[in-house]
Amino acid sequence: SPATRVTLTLYTLLSILMACVISALIETLFAQTHSSDAVL
């Protein structure tokens, strides 16, 4: 049905947005763990 297809489209978008948010959060959190000598 049209309602089901709209729902599936939105769920696909939701999973992509989840992936983007989780990836950005993980990279930001791990960036805080760099040692003080990371540049060297």
PDB file of all heavy atoms in Angstrom:
ATOM      1  N   SER A   1       0.838  -1.196   0.000  1.00  0.00           N
ATOM      2  CA  SER A   1       0.000   0.000   0.000  1.00  0.00           C
ATOM      3  C   SER A   1       0.877   1.251   0.000  1.00  0.00           C
ATOM      4  O   SER A   1       2.041   1.208   0.410  1.00  0.00           O
ATOM      5  CB  SER A   1      -0.894   0.010   1.239  1.00  0.00           C
ATOM      6  OG  SER A   1      -0.102   0.117   2.410  1.00  0.00           O
ATOM      7  N   PRO A   2       0.338   2.389  -0.469  1.00  0.00           N
ATOM      8  CA  PRO A   2       1.134   3.632  -0.458  1.00  0.00           C
ATOM      9  C   PRO A   2       1.658   3.992   0.926  1.00  0.00           C
ATOM     10  O   PRO A   2       2.797   4.464   1.051  1.00  0.00           O
ATOM     11  CB  PRO A   2       0.145   4.674  -0.977  1.00  0.00           C
ATOM     12  CG  PRO A   2      -0.809   3.893  -1.828  1.00  0.00           C
ATOM     13  CD  PRO A   2      -0.960   2.565  -1.148  1.00  0.00           C
ATOM     14  N   ALA A   3       0.832   3.786   1.956  1.00  0.00           N
ATOM     15  CA  ALA A   3       1.280   4.118   3.308  1.00  0.00           C
ATOM     16  C   ALA A   3       2.482   3.269   3.711  1.00  0.00           C
ATOM     17  O   ALA A   3       3.441   3.763   4.326  1.00  0.00           O
ATOM     18  CB  ALA A   3       0.139   3.916   4.298  1.00  0.00           C
ATOM     19  N   THR A   4       2.452   1.984   3.352  1.00  0.00           N
ATOM     20  CA  THR A   4       3.573   1.094   3.677  1.00  0.00           C
ATOM     21  C   THR A   4       4.834   1.519   2.938  1.00  0.00           C
ATOM     22  O   THR A   4       5.940   1.529   3.500  1.00  0.00           O
ATOM     23  CB  THR A   4       3.215  -0.353   3.322  1.00  0.00           C
ATOM     24  OG1 THR A   4       2.056  -0.748   4.067  1.00  0.00           O
ATOM     25  CG2 THR A   4       4.368  -1.285   3.651  1.00  0.00           C
ATOM     26  N   ARG A   5       4.688   1.902   1.683  1.00  0.00           N
ATOM     27  CA  ARG A   5       5.863   2.304   0.902  1.00  0.00           C
ATOM     28  C   ARG A   5       6.463   3.609   1.432  1.00  0.00           C
ATOM     29  O   ARG A   5       7.684   3.776   1.470  1.00  0.00           O
ATOM     30  CB  ARG A   5       5.486   2.421  -0.570  1.00  0.00           C
ATOM     31  CG  ARG A   5       5.293   1.058  -1.238  1.00  0.00           C
ATOM     32  CD  ARG A   5       4.931   1.179  -2.703  1.00  0.00           C
ATOM     33  NE  ARG A   5       3.522   1.529  -2.874  1.00  0.00           N
ATOM     34  CZ  ARG A   5       2.919   1.612  -4.063  1.00  0.00           C
ATOM     35  NH1 ARG A   5       3.619   1.408  -5.178  1.00  0.00           N
ATOM     36  NH2 ARG A   5       1.641   1.915  -4.147  1.00  0.00           N
ATOM     37  N   VAL A   6       5.606   4.538   1.839  1.00  0.00           N
ATOM     38  CA  VAL A   6       6.122   5.769   2.450  1.00  0.00           C
ATOM     39  C   VAL A   6       6.860   5.448   3.747  1.00  0.00           C
ATOM     40  O   VAL A   6       7.945   5.987   4.030  1.00  0.00           O
ATOM     41  CB  VAL A   6       4.971   6.762   2.713  1.00  0.00           C
ATOM     42  CG1 VAL A   6       5.462   7.922   3.568  1.00  0.00           C
ATOM     43  CG2 VAL A   6       4.402   7.286   1.406  1.00  0.00           C
ATOM     44  N   THR A   7       6.279   4.551   4.544  1.00  0.00           N
ATOM     45  CA  THR A   7       6.911   4.165   5.805  1.00  0.00           C
ATOM     46  C   THR A   7       8.275   3.537   5.568  1.00  0.00           C
ATOM     47  O   THR A   7       9.254   3.854   6.260  1.00  0.00           O
ATOM     48  CB  THR A   7       6.008   3.176   6.564  1.00  0.00           C
ATOM     49  OG1 THR A   7       4.739   3.786   6.813  1.00  0.00           O
ATOM     50  CG2 THR A   7       6.655   2.779   7.882  1.00  0.00           C
ATOM     51  N   LEU A   8       8.377   2.630   4.594  1.00  0.00           N
ATOM     52  CA  LEU A   8       9.654   1.981   4.301  1.00  0.00           C
ATOM     53  C   LEU A   8      10.691   2.991   3.810  1.00  0.00           C
ATOM     54  O   LEU A   8      11.875   2.906   4.151  1.00  0.00           O
ATOM     55  CB  LEU A   8       9.448   0.879   3.254  1.00  0.00           C
ATOM     56  CG  LEU A   8       8.644  -0.341   3.707  1.00  0.00           C
ATOM     57  CD1 LEU A   8       8.458  -1.323   2.555  1.00  0.00           C
ATOM     58  CD2 LEU A   8       9.342  -1.038   4.881  1.00  0.00           C
ATOM     59  N   THR A   9      10.257   3.963   3.008  1.00  0.00           N
ATOM     60  CA  THR A   9      11.182   5.005   2.536  1.00  0.00           C
ATOM     61  C   THR A   9      11.716   5.818   3.699  1.00  0.00           C
ATOM     62  O   THR A   9      12.921   6.117   3.776  1.00  0.00           O
ATOM     63  CB  THR A   9      10.479   5.929   1.532  1.00  0.00           C
ATOM     64  OG1 THR A   9       9.984   5.155   0.427  1.00  0.00           O
ATOM     65  CG2 THR A   9      11.431   6.990   1.005  1.00  0.00           C
ATOM     66  N   LEU A  10      10.837   6.181   4.623  1.00  0.00           N
ATOM     67  CA  LEU A  10      11.261   6.973   5.784  1.00  0.00           C
ATOM     68  C   LEU A  10      12.158   6.163   6.715  1.00  0.00           C
ATOM     69  O   LEU A  10      13.111   6.701   7.300  1.00  0.00           O
ATOM     70  CB  LEU A  10      10.036   7.484   6.543  1.00  0.00           C
ATOM     71  CG  LEU A  10       9.193   8.530   5.796  1.00  0.00           C
ATOM     72  CD1 LEU A  10       7.960   8.904   6.614  1.00  0.00           C
ATOM     73  CD2 LEU A  10      10.021   9.776   5.498  1.00  0.00           C
ATOM     74  N   TYR A  11      11.877   4.874   6.853  1.00  0.00           N
ATOM     75  CA  TYR A  11      12.739   4.035   7.683  1.00  0.00           C
ATOM     76  C   TYR A  11      14.135   3.884   7.065  1.00  0.00           C
ATOM     77  O   TYR A  11      15.145   3.832   7.776  1.00  0.00           O
ATOM     78  CB  TYR A  11      12.098   2.661   7.893  1.00  0.00           C
ATOM     79  CG  TYR A  11      11.145   2.612   9.070  1.00  0.00           C
ATOM     80  CD1 TYR A  11       9.857   2.089   8.937  1.00  0.00           C
ATOM     81  CD2 TYR A  11      11.548   3.064  10.332  1.00  0.00           C
ATOM     82  CE1 TYR A  11       8.983   2.044  10.008  1.00  0.00           C
ATOM     83  CE2 TYR A  11      10.675   3.015  11.411  1.00  0.00           C
ATOM     84  CZ  TYR A  11       9.399   2.509  11.246  1.00  0.00           C
ATOM     85  OH  TYR A  11       8.546   2.468  12.322  1.00  0.00           O
ATOM     86  N   THR A  12      14.189   3.791   5.745  1.00  0.00           N
ATOM     87  CA  THR A  12      15.496   3.742   5.076  1.00  0.00           C
ATOM     88  C   THR A  12      16.283   5.021   5.353  1.00  0.00           C
ATOM     89  O   THR A  12      17.478   4.984   5.664  1.00  0.00           O
ATOM     90  CB  THR A  12      15.318   3.555   3.564  1.00  0.00           C
ATOM     91  OG1 THR A  12      14.598   2.344   3.307  1.00  0.00           O
ATOM     92  CG2 THR A  12      16.664   3.494   2.864  1.00  0.00           C
ATOM     93  N   LEU A  13      15.590   6.164   5.248  1.00  0.00           N
ATOM     94  CA  LEU A  13      16.236   7.439   5.563  1.00  0.00           C
ATOM     95  C   LEU A  13      16.675   7.476   7.024  1.00  0.00           C
ATOM     96  O   LEU A  13      17.778   7.947   7.338  1.00  0.00           O
ATOM     97  CB  LEU A  13      15.275   8.591   5.268  1.00  0.00           C
ATOM     98  CG  LEU A  13      15.753   9.989   5.689  1.00  0.00           C
ATOM     99  CD1 LEU A  13      17.007  10.382   4.911  1.00  0.00           C
ATOM    100  CD2 LEU A  13      14.649  11.020   5.484  1.00  0.00           C
ATOM    101  N   LEU A  14      15.838   6.977   7.931  1.00  0.00           N
ATOM    102  CA  LEU A  14      16.186   6.974   9.352  1.00  0.00           C
ATOM    103  C   LEU A  14      17.462   6.180   9.609  1.00  0.00           C
ATOM    104  O   LEU A  14      18.336   6.614  10.372  1.00  0.00           O
ATOM    105  CB  LEU A  14      15.026   6.390  10.164  1.00  0.00           C
ATOM    106  CG  LEU A  14      15.286   6.205  11.675  1.00  0.00           C
ATOM    107  CD1 LEU A  14      15.560   7.543  12.339  1.00  0.00           C
ATOM    108  CD2 LEU A  14      14.111   5.487  12.335  1.00  0.00           C
ATOM    109  N   SER A  15      17.583   5.023   8.974  1.00  0.00           N
ATOM    110  CA  SER A  15      18.784   4.204   9.186  1.00  0.00           C
ATOM    111  C   SER A  15      20.034   4.918   8.681  1.00  0.00           C
ATOM    112  O   SER A  15      21.111   4.820   9.293  1.00  0.00           O
ATOM    113  CB  SER A  15      18.631   2.852   8.490  1.00  0.00           C
ATOM    114  OG  SER A  15      18.615   2.997   7.077  1.00  0.00           O
ATOM    115  N   ILE A  16      19.914   5.650   7.578  1.00  0.00           N
ATOM    116  CA  ILE A  16      21.056   6.396   7.045  1.00  0.00           C
ATOM    117  C   ILE A  16      21.435   7.529   7.994  1.00  0.00           C
ATOM    118  O   ILE A  16      22.622   7.760   8.271  1.00  0.00           O
ATOM    119  CB  ILE A  16      20.734   6.930   5.640  1.00  0.00           C
ATOM    120  CG1 ILE A  16      20.553   5.767   4.664  1.00  0.00           C
ATOM    121  CG2 ILE A  16      21.815   7.881   5.158  1.00  0.00           C
ATOM    122  CD1 ILE A  16      20.058   6.185   3.299  1.00  0.00           C
ATOM    123  N   LEU A  17      20.436   8.254   8.496  1.00  0.00           N
ATOM    124  CA  LEU A  17      20.714   9.337   9.447  1.00  0.00           C
ATOM    125  C   LEU A  17      21.333   8.796  10.732  1.00  0.00           C
ATOM    126  O   LEU A  17      22.230   9.419  11.319  1.00  0.00           O
ATOM    127  CB  LEU A  17      19.427  10.099   9.754  1.00  0.00           C
ATOM    128  CG  LEU A  17      18.777  10.835   8.571  1.00  0.00           C
ATOM    129  CD1 LEU A  17      17.502  11.543   9.026  1.00  0.00           C
ATOM    130  CD2 LEU A  17      19.747  11.837   7.961  1.00  0.00           C
ATOM    131  N   MET A  18      20.866   7.636  11.181  1.00  0.00           N
ATOM    132  CA  MET A  18      21.477   6.999  12.356  1.00  0.00           C
ATOM    133  C   MET A  18      22.951   6.711  12.106  1.00  0.00           C
ATOM    134  O   MET A  18      23.810   6.958  12.970  1.00  0.00           O
ATOM    135  CB  MET A  18      20.738   5.694  12.683  1.00  0.00           C
ATOM    136  CG  MET A  18      19.368   5.885  13.312  1.00  0.00           C
ATOM    137  SD  MET A  18      18.396   4.338  13.336  1.00  0.00           S
ATOM    138  CE  MET A  18      19.603   3.170  13.930  1.00  0.00           C
ATOM    139  N   ALA A  19      23.249   6.189  10.913  1.00  0.00           N
ATOM    140  CA  ALA A  19      24.641   5.879  10.580  1.00  0.00           C
ATOM    141  C   ALA A  19      25.501   7.136  10.593  1.00  0.00           C
ATOM    142  O   ALA A  19      26.631   7.126  11.103  1.00  0.00           O
ATOM    143  CB  ALA A  19      24.707   5.197   9.209  1.00  0.00           C
ATOM    144  N   CYS A  20      24.985   8.226  10.049  1.00  0.00           N
ATOM    145  CA  CYS A  20      25.747   9.478  10.011  1.00  0.00           C
ATOM    146  C   CYS A  20      25.992  10.028  11.415  1.00  0.00           C
ATOM    147  O   CYS A  20      27.115  10.436  11.750  1.00  0.00           O
ATOM    148  CB  CYS A  20      25.010  10.511   9.160  1.00  0.00           C
ATOM    149  SG  CYS A  20      24.914  10.097   7.398  1.00  0.00           S
ATOM    150  N   VAL A  21      24.952  10.038  12.235  1.00  0.00           N
ATOM    151  CA  VAL A  21      25.083  10.583  13.590  1.00  0.00           C
ATOM    152  C   VAL A  21      26.027   9.728  14.432  1.00  0.00           C
ATOM    153  O   VAL A  21      26.917  10.249  15.131  1.00  0.00           O
ATOM    154  CB  VAL A  21      23.695  10.677  14.265  1.00  0.00           C
ATOM    155  CG1 VAL A  21      23.836  11.048  15.737  1.00  0.00           C
ATOM    156  CG2 VAL A  21      22.829  11.702  13.548  1.00  0.00           C
ATOM    157  N   ILE A  22      25.863   8.413  14.375  1.00  0.00           N
ATOM    158  CA  ILE A  22      26.709   7.523  15.175  1.00  0.00           C
ATOM    159  C   ILE A  22      28.168   7.637  14.744  1.00  0.00           C
ATOM    160  O   ILE A  22      29.081   7.697  15.587  1.00  0.00           O
ATOM    161  CB  ILE A  22      26.202   6.073  15.054  1.00  0.00           C
ATOM    162  CG1 ILE A  22      24.867   5.927  15.792  1.00  0.00           C
ATOM    163  CG2 ILE A  22      27.222   5.091  15.608  1.00  0.00           C
ATOM    164  CD1 ILE A  22      24.209   4.575  15.609  1.00  0.00           C
ATOM    165  N   SER A  23      28.419   7.687  13.441  1.00  0.00           N
ATOM    166  CA  SER A  23      29.797   7.807  12.958  1.00  0.00           C
ATOM    167  C   SER A  23      30.432   9.111  13.418  1.00  0.00           C
ATOM    168  O   SER A  23      31.592   9.132  13.861  1.00  0.00           O
ATOM    169  CB  SER A  23      29.825   7.717  11.426  1.00  0.00           C
ATOM    170  OG  SER A  23      29.352   6.470  10.978  1.00  0.00           O
ATOM    171  N   ALA A  24      29.692  10.209  13.318  1.00  0.00           N
ATOM    172  CA  ALA A  24      30.224  11.501  13.744  1.00  0.00           C
ATOM    173  C   ALA A  24      30.506  11.512  15.245  1.00  0.00           C
ATOM    174  O   ALA A  24      31.542  12.039  15.697  1.00  0.00           O
ATOM    175  CB  ALA A  24      29.248  12.616  13.374  1.00  0.00           C
ATOM    176  N   LEU A  25      29.613  10.927  16.040  1.00  0.00           N
ATOM    177  CA  LEU A  25      29.823  10.881  17.487  1.00  0.00           C
ATOM    178  C   LEU A  25      31.040  10.045  17.851  1.00  0.00           C
ATOM    179  O   LEU A  25      31.848  10.435  18.710  1.00  0.00           O
ATOM    180  CB  LEU A  25      28.575  10.317  18.178  1.00  0.00           C
ATOM    181  CG  LEU A  25      27.354  11.233  18.249  1.00  0.00           C
ATOM    182  CD1 LEU A  25      26.167  10.498  18.865  1.00  0.00           C
ATOM    183  CD2 LEU A  25      27.678  12.493  19.052  1.00  0.00           C
ATOM    184  N   ILE A  26      31.193   8.901  17.204  1.00  0.00           N
ATOM    185  CA  ILE A  26      32.332   8.022  17.510  1.00  0.00           C
ATOM    186  C   ILE A  26      33.649   8.718  17.177  1.00  0.00           C
ATOM    187  O   ILE A  26      34.601   8.689  17.962  1.00  0.00           O
ATOM    188  CB  ILE A  26      32.193   6.689  16.749  1.00  0.00           C
ATOM    189  CG1 ILE A  26      31.061   5.855  17.359  1.00  0.00           C
ATOM    190  CG2 ILE A  26      33.500   5.907  16.772  1.00  0.00           C
ATOM    191  CD1 ILE A  26      30.773   4.572  16.611  1.00  0.00           C
ATOM    192  N   GLU A  27      33.709   9.357  16.008  1.00  0.00           N
ATOM    193  CA  GLU A  27      34.942  10.045  15.626  1.00  0.00           C
ATOM    194  C   GLU A  27      35.251  11.200  16.579  1.00  0.00           C
ATOM    195  O   GLU A  27      36.414  11.431  16.933  1.00  0.00           O
ATOM    196  CB  GLU A  27      34.829  10.563  14.190  1.00  0.00           C
ATOM    197  CG  GLU A  27      34.780   9.479  13.135  1.00  0.00           C
ATOM    198  CD  GLU A  27      36.032   8.628  13.114  1.00  0.00           C
ATOM    199  OE1 GLU A  27      37.136   9.194  13.226  1.00  0.00           O
ATOM    200  OE2 GLU A  27      35.909   7.400  13.002  1.00  0.00           O
ATOM    201  N   THR A  28      34.208  11.922  17.003  1.00  0.00           N
ATOM    202  CA  THR A  28      34.424  13.035  17.924  1.00  0.00           C
ATOM    203  C   THR A  28      34.910  12.546  19.283  1.00  0.00           C
ATOM    204  O   THR A  28      35.827  13.123  19.883  1.00  0.00           O
ATOM    205  CB  THR A  28      33.119  13.839  18.096  1.00  0.00           C
ATOM    206  OG1 THR A  28      32.693  14.319  16.815  1.00  0.00           O
ATOM    207  CG2 THR A  28      33.332  15.016  19.023  1.00  0.00           C
ATOM    208  N   LEU A  29      34.317  11.459  19.776  1.00  0.00           N
ATOM    209  CA  LEU A  29      34.721  10.921  21.068  1.00  0.00           C
ATOM    210  C   LEU A  29      36.143  10.375  21.026  1.00  0.00           C
ATOM    211  O   LEU A  29      36.939  10.604  21.942  1.00  0.00           O
ATOM    212  CB  LEU A  29      33.741   9.826  21.509  1.00  0.00           C
ATOM    213  CG  LEU A  29      32.329  10.304  21.877  1.00  0.00           C
ATOM    214  CD1 LEU A  29      31.433   9.117  22.184  1.00  0.00           C
ATOM    215  CD2 LEU A  29      32.380  11.250  23.077  1.00  0.00           C
ATOM    216  N   PHE A  30      36.475   9.667  19.971  1.00  0.00           N
ATOM    217  CA  PHE A  30      37.816   9.101  19.880  1.00  0.00           C
ATOM    218  C   PHE A  30      38.864  10.180  19.668  1.00  0.00           C
ATOM    219  O   PHE A  30      40.032   9.974  19.999  1.00  0.00           O
ATOM    220  CB  PHE A  30      37.877   8.066  18.749  1.00  0.00           C
ATOM    221  CG  PHE A  30      37.496   6.679  19.180  1.00  0.00           C
ATOM    222  CD1 PHE A  30      36.166   6.313  19.277  1.00  0.00           C
ATOM    223  CD2 PHE A  30      38.468   5.759  19.511  1.00  0.00           C
ATOM    224  CE1 PHE A  30      35.802   5.038  19.681  1.00  0.00           C
ATOM    225  CE2 PHE A  30      38.119   4.485  19.927  1.00  0.00           C
ATOM    226  CZ  PHE A  30      36.790   4.117  20.012  1.00  0.00           C
ATOM    227  N   ALA A  31      38.457  11.310  19.088  1.00  0.00           N
ATOM    228  CA  ALA A  31      39.416  12.407  18.905  1.00  0.00           C
ATOM    229  C   ALA A  31      39.893  12.942  20.248  1.00  0.00           C
ATOM    230  O   ALA A  31      41.002  13.485  20.351  1.00  0.00           O
ATOM    231  CB  ALA A  31      38.783  13.530  18.089  1.00  0.00           C
ATOM    232  N   GLN A  32      39.056  12.802  21.291  1.00  0.00           N
ATOM    233  CA  GLN A  32      39.444  13.285  22.613  1.00  0.00           C
ATOM    234  C   GLN A  32      40.481  12.386  23.280  1.00  0.00           C
ATOM    235  O   GLN A  32      41.083  12.759  24.280  1.00  0.00           O
ATOM    236  CB  GLN A  32      38.199  13.364  23.523  1.00  0.00           C
ATOM    237  CG  GLN A  32      37.045  14.137  22.930  1.00  0.00           C
ATOM    238  CD  GLN A  32      37.394  15.562  22.575  1.00  0.00           C
ATOM    239  OE1 GLN A  32      38.134  16.207  23.301  1.00  0.00           O
ATOM    240  NE2 GLN A  32      36.876  16.050  21.454  1.00  0.00           N
ATOM    241  N   THR A  33      40.665  11.184  22.725  1.00  0.00           N
ATOM    242  CA  THR A  33      41.600  10.234  23.339  1.00  0.00           C
ATOM    243  C   THR A  33      42.994  10.320  22.758  1.00  0.00           C
ATOM    244  O   THR A  33      43.867   9.534  23.126  1.00  0.00           O
ATOM    245  CB  THR A  33      41.080   8.793  23.158  1.00  0.00           C
ATOM    246  OG1 THR A  33      41.073   8.463  21.755  1.00  0.00           O
ATOM    247  CG2 THR A  33      39.680   8.650  23.716  1.00  0.00           C
ATOM    248  N   HIS A  34      43.231  11.252  21.823  1.00  0.00           N
ATOM    249  CA  HIS A  34      44.564  11.388  21.243  1.00  0.00           C
ATOM    250  C   HIS A  34      45.568  11.746  22.336  1.00  0.00           C
ATOM    251  O   HIS A  34      45.294  12.569  23.216  1.00  0.00           O
ATOM    252  CB  HIS A  34      44.586  12.479  20.171  1.00  0.00           C
ATOM    253  CG  HIS A  34      43.979  12.034  18.874  1.00  0.00           C
ATOM    254  ND1 HIS A  34      44.489  10.995  18.142  1.00  0.00           N
ATOM    255  CD2 HIS A  34      42.916  12.497  18.183  1.00  0.00           C
ATOM    256  CE1 HIS A  34      43.766  10.835  17.042  1.00  0.00           C
ATOM    257  NE2 HIS A  34      42.796  11.726  17.053  1.00  0.00           N
ATOM    258  N   SER A  35      46.720  11.152  22.257  1.00  0.00           N
ATOM    259  CA  SER A  35      47.767  11.466  23.227  1.00  0.00           C
ATOM    260  C   SER A  35      48.288  12.882  22.996  1.00  0.00           C
ATOM    261  O   SER A  35      48.122  13.461  21.924  1.00  0.00           O
ATOM    262  CB  SER A  35      48.926  10.466  23.096  1.00  0.00           C
ATOM    263  OG  SER A  35      49.567  10.625  21.837  1.00  0.00           O
ATOM    264  N   SER A  36      48.945  13.414  24.007  1.00  0.00           N
ATOM    265  CA  SER A  36      49.469  14.774  23.888  1.00  0.00           C
ATOM    266  C   SER A  36      50.569  14.855  22.839  1.00  0.00           C
ATOM    267  O   SER A  36      50.890  15.943  22.354  1.00  0.00           O
ATOM    268  CB  SER A  36      50.013  15.233  25.249  1.00  0.00           C
ATOM    269  OG  SER A  36      51.034  14.344  25.688  1.00  0.00           O
ATOM    270  N   ASP A  37      51.167  13.711  22.478  1.00  0.00           N
ATOM    271  CA  ASP A  37      52.246  13.690  21.504  1.00  0.00           C
ATOM    272  C   ASP A  37      51.748  13.242  20.129  1.00  0.00           C
ATOM    273  O   ASP A  37      52.542  12.774  19.308  1.00  0.00           O
ATOM    274  CB  ASP A  37      53.359  12.743  21.971  1.00  0.00           C
ATOM    275  CG  ASP A  37      54.039  13.231  23.238  1.00  0.00           C
ATOM    276  OD1 ASP A  37      54.075  14.453  23.453  1.00  0.00           O
ATOM    277  OD2 ASP A  37      54.527  12.390  24.007  1.00  0.00           O
ATOM    278  N   ALA A  38      50.458  13.356  19.866  1.00  0.00           N
ATOM    279  CA  ALA A  38      49.917  12.881  18.596  1.00  0.00           C
ATOM    280  C   ALA A  38      50.522  13.633  17.414  1.00  0.00           C
ATOM    281  O   ALA A  38      50.745  13.050  16.344  1.00  0.00           O
ATOM    282  CB  ALA A  38      48.391  13.030  18.592  1.00  0.00           C
ATOM    283  N   VAL A  39      50.801  14.926  17.597  1.00  0.00           N
ATOM    284  CA  VAL A  39      51.415  15.705  16.520  1.00  0.00           C
ATOM    285  C   VAL A  39      52.813  15.193  16.229  1.00  0.00           C
ATOM    286  O   VAL A  39      53.187  14.948  15.075  1.00  0.00           O
ATOM    287  CB  VAL A  39      51.448  17.201  16.889  1.00  0.00           C
ATOM    288  CG1 VAL A  39      52.164  17.994  15.799  1.00  0.00           C
ATOM    289  CG2 VAL A  39      50.042  17.735  17.093  1.00  0.00           C
ATOM    290  N   LEU A  40      53.604  15.016  17.288  1.00  0.00           N
ATOM    291  CA  LEU A  40      54.964  14.502  17.105  1.00  0.00           C
ATOM    292  C   LEU A  40      54.948  13.087  16.544  1.00  0.00           C
ATOM    293  O   LEU A  40      55.809  12.723  15.735  1.00  0.00           O
ATOM    294  CB  LEU A  40      55.723  14.539  18.435  1.00  0.00           C
ATOM    295  CG  LEU A  40      56.019  15.929  19.011  1.00  0.00           C
ATOM    296  CD1 LEU A  40      56.730  15.810  20.349  1.00  0.00           C
ATOM    297  CD2 LEU A  40      56.855  16.738  18.040  1.00  0.00           C
TER     298      LEU A  40
END
